[in-house]
Amino acid sequence: MKGFAVFLIALCWGSSMLAQTGVSVSPPRLYFESDAGKSSRQKVTVTNVSATHVMNLALSTGDWQYSEMGENMMYPADSLETSCAGWVNISKEDSYFSLKPGENKEVEVNITVPNTFQGNLSAHTAMLYVTQMNPVDDVDSKGANIKVSIRSGIKLFHRTSEIQNRKLEIENILFDKKSNHVVLYFSNNGNIWADGIVYPELLNTATGKKTVLDHIVFYTMPADKRKMLISLPENLEKGKYTANILIDYGDENTIEMGELSFTND
């Protein structure tokens, strides 16, 4: 006999769907700008993408930050120095609501900076969760009955009107022969979030052959230290190489470059 063995909560980012039930949120990121005592408003659309199930949804806040490897790390609300979770305001009618199959609702998100705010940080973050409160029945890959609940996360970014200074700096580049990676270390030394693309390229100094490697998209917040693993081709011929790294995180004035000479033997 099959019994309910598992209660599954699936955390999704942005537009999401799972099995026969799901919730879509758009956009997956909201950006706010306000100073002490001022408010900023944005809207997010929540959609029940299920064809059969009514979704009872509740909104709550939390904190998040990027790990050294660029992964999302979640924390309770107001637990990080960079948190603005306590500044988030949502009306009572938007905090808990039900959506019929295919129905959507526009939710207004308000961030109000306290009058007493005198922090040195000009950028803050929080997470807005949309959580399904009425789990639905489903079956896993082994045929066991499970309860499935969806939780979507919307990243909230807040900044003050302070002049933005986007500044990424390469700290080190190493060749890890054992794992066959070039390891890039860089940091966000500015006062605002910086997103971009890393373009790596190899030059065989003996033959002059260039190898363009896959580009890598990244996201950073101020004071982030990032470690990025750049995979090298498995069949890379032996010899001396120069690895050229270009970090593009804006216009022509926001480019960081570095290089590493190494031997693949």
Foldseek 3Di string as FASTA:
>chain_A
DFDADAAAEDEAAAQDDDDQWDKHKPPLEDEAEADAQDKTKDKMKIWTQHPADKFKKFKAKWAWFADQAQDIDTGGAPPDPQAQRVQKDWDPDQGIDIDDHGGMDMTMIMGHHHNPDDDPAFKHKMKMKIKTPQWDWDADPVGHIYTYIYIYIRIYMYGYPPDWDWDKAWDDWDQDLVQQWIKTKMATQIRAKWWWKKWKKKAQPVPRDIDTFDIDTHIHGHGHIHIYTGHDDPPDDWGKMKMKIWTDGDDPVHIYIDIDIDTND
